[in-house]
Amino acid sequence: MKVIDLFAGCGGLSLGFQNAGFEVVAAFDLWQASCQVYAANFNHSISQVDISDVDLNIFEQWKPDMIIGGPPCQDFSSAGKRDETLGRADLTLSYAKIVSEIRPQWFLMENVERIQKAAS
């Protein structure tokens, strides 16, 4: 099953899926430092892109069977300073938009419990 990883960070989800036998074909993240770490640890590509404002064709070219990702959860987390107005919470909506447009067979989104109570 071909997988793309959004908000890939340093690659924790990618590694887990790769070790479980999935074919991770591409990854995407905005933070340059995590992209560098990811690139050093995997043979497939990672693209440094702003997922909130990206042409969906970048994902369609991979024809993924599954999209995985962990949009930033700080705004929803019960730990630390929570502030849903900082814009990171909107990245969860960006993730949902990508999944609904690309329409993979499967998706996995990692986040925190409080997201269910977030204002829309």
Protein backbone atom coordinates (compact mmCIF):
# COMPACT_ATOMS: atom_id res chain seq x y z
CA MET A 1 0.00 0.00 0.00
CA LYS A 2 1.49 3.38 -1.03
CA VAL A 3 1.54 5.98 1.77
CA ILE A 4 2.30 9.69 1.93
CA ASP A 5 3.04 11.39 5.25
CA LEU A 6 1.82 14.95 5.88
CA PHE A 7 3.31 16.94 8.78
CA ALA A 8 5.99 14.27 8.74
CA GLY A 9 8.33 15.92 11.23
CA CYS A 10 11.40 13.74 11.73
CA GLY A 11 9.54 10.65 10.54
CA GLY A 12 8.03 8.79 13.48
CA LEU A 13 4.82 7.81 11.68
CA SER A 14 6.70 7.05 8.46
CA LEU A 15 9.09 4.75 10.31
CA GLY A 16 6.26 2.88 11.99
CA PHE A 17 4.37 2.38 8.74
CA GLN A 18 7.55 1.44 6.85
CA ASN A 19 8.43 -1.12 9.53
CA ALA A 20 4.89 -2.53 9.27
CA GLY A 21 5.44 -3.20 5.55
CA PHE A 22 3.83 -0.14 3.95
CA GLU A 23 5.55 1.66 1.08
CA VAL A 24 6.05 5.25 2.18
CA VAL A 25 6.59 7.07 -1.12
CA ALA A 26 6.79 10.71 -0.02
CA ALA A 27 6.62 13.00 2.98
CA PHE A 28 5.83 16.68 3.51
CA ASP A 29 6.60 19.17 6.27
CA LEU A 30 7.32 22.90 6.56
CA TRP A 31 10.01 22.90 9.24
CA GLN A 32 13.42 22.84 7.53
CA ALA A 33 15.26 21.20 10.43
CA SER A 34 12.87 18.24 10.56
CA CYS A 35 13.02 17.88 6.78
CA GLN A 36 16.81 17.60 6.99
CA VAL A 37 16.61 14.91 9.68
CA TYR A 38 13.92 13.07 7.72
CA ALA A 39 15.97 13.17 4.50
CA ALA A 40 18.98 11.72 6.33
CA ASN A 41 16.95 8.77 7.60
CA PHE A 42 14.76 7.73 4.65
CA ASN A 43 15.30 6.89 0.98
CA HIS A 44 12.10 8.48 -0.29
CA SER A 45 11.60 12.20 -0.78
CA ILE A 46 10.49 14.81 1.70
CA SER A 47 9.27 18.15 0.42
CA GLN A 48 9.41 21.34 2.45
CA VAL A 49 5.97 22.84 1.80
CA ASP A 50 3.31 24.85 3.59
CA ILE A 51 0.48 22.32 3.70
CA SER A 52 -2.06 25.06 4.40
CA ASP A 53 -1.45 26.57 0.97
CA VAL A 54 -0.36 23.88 -1.46
CA ASP A 55 -1.41 22.74 -4.92
CA LEU A 56 -3.08 19.35 -4.45
CA ASN A 57 -1.37 18.03 -7.58
CA ILE A 58 1.76 17.64 -5.48
CA PHE A 59 0.00 14.80 -3.64
CA GLU A 60 -1.99 13.31 -6.53
CA GLN A 61 1.18 12.44 -8.44
CA TRP A 62 1.95 9.76 -5.83
CA LYS A 63 -1.50 8.10 -6.11
CA PRO A 64 -1.48 7.22 -2.41
CA ASP A 65 -3.61 4.41 -1.03
CA MET A 66 -3.21 5.99 2.40
CA ILE A 67 -2.45 9.42 3.83
CA ILE A 68 -0.98 9.60 7.31
CA GLY A 69 -0.14 12.64 9.37
CA GLY A 70 -0.11 14.45 12.64
CA PRO A 71 -1.21 18.07 12.23
CA PRO A 72 0.15 20.33 14.99
CA CYS A 73 -1.73 19.68 18.21
CA GLN A 74 -0.36 22.40 20.51
CA ASP A 75 -3.50 24.52 20.15
CA PHE A 76 -5.67 21.63 21.34
CA SER A 77 -3.34 20.04 23.88
CA SER A 78 -4.27 19.85 27.55
CA ALA A 79 -0.58 20.43 28.34
CA GLY A 80 1.08 23.82 28.08
CA LYS A 81 -0.49 27.05 26.85
CA ARG A 82 -3.44 26.33 24.60
CA ASP A 83 -4.45 29.01 22.10
CA GLU A 84 -6.64 27.98 19.16
CA THR A 85 -6.30 31.46 17.61
CA LEU A 86 -2.62 31.07 16.62
CA GLY A 87 -3.47 29.37 13.32
CA ARG A 88 -1.87 25.99 13.91
CA ALA A 89 -5.33 24.55 14.61
CA ASP A 90 -6.31 25.46 11.04
CA LEU A 91 -3.73 22.96 9.78
CA THR A 92 -6.03 20.16 10.93
CA LEU A 93 -8.64 21.53 8.51
CA SER A 94 -5.98 21.65 5.79
CA TYR A 95 -5.23 17.99 6.45
CA ALA A 96 -8.93 17.13 6.22
CA LYS A 97 -9.27 19.08 2.96
CA ILE A 98 -6.35 17.21 1.39
CA VAL A 99 -7.75 13.83 2.46
CA SER A 100 -11.22 14.70 1.14
CA GLU A 101 -9.84 15.92 -2.20
CA ILE A 102 -7.29 13.14 -2.80
CA ARG A 103 -9.69 10.46 -1.51
CA PRO A 104 -7.26 7.71 -0.52
CA GLN A 105 -8.71 4.37 0.56
CA TRP A 106 -7.42 5.01 4.08
CA PHE A 107 -6.11 7.81 6.24
CA LEU A 108 -4.70 8.10 9.73
CA MET A 109 -4.59 11.36 11.64
CA GLU A 110 -2.76 11.55 14.96
CA ASN A 111 -3.85 14.34 17.29
CA VAL A 112 -5.10 14.95 20.83
CA GLU A 113 -8.45 14.35 22.53
CA ARG A 114 -9.36 18.04 22.92
CA ILE A 115 -9.62 18.47 19.15
CA GLN A 116 -13.16 17.08 19.41
CA LYS A 117 -14.17 20.11 21.45
CA ALA A 118 -12.46 22.71 19.26
CA ALA A 119 -14.43 25.59 17.82
CA SER A 120 -14.94 25.40 14.09
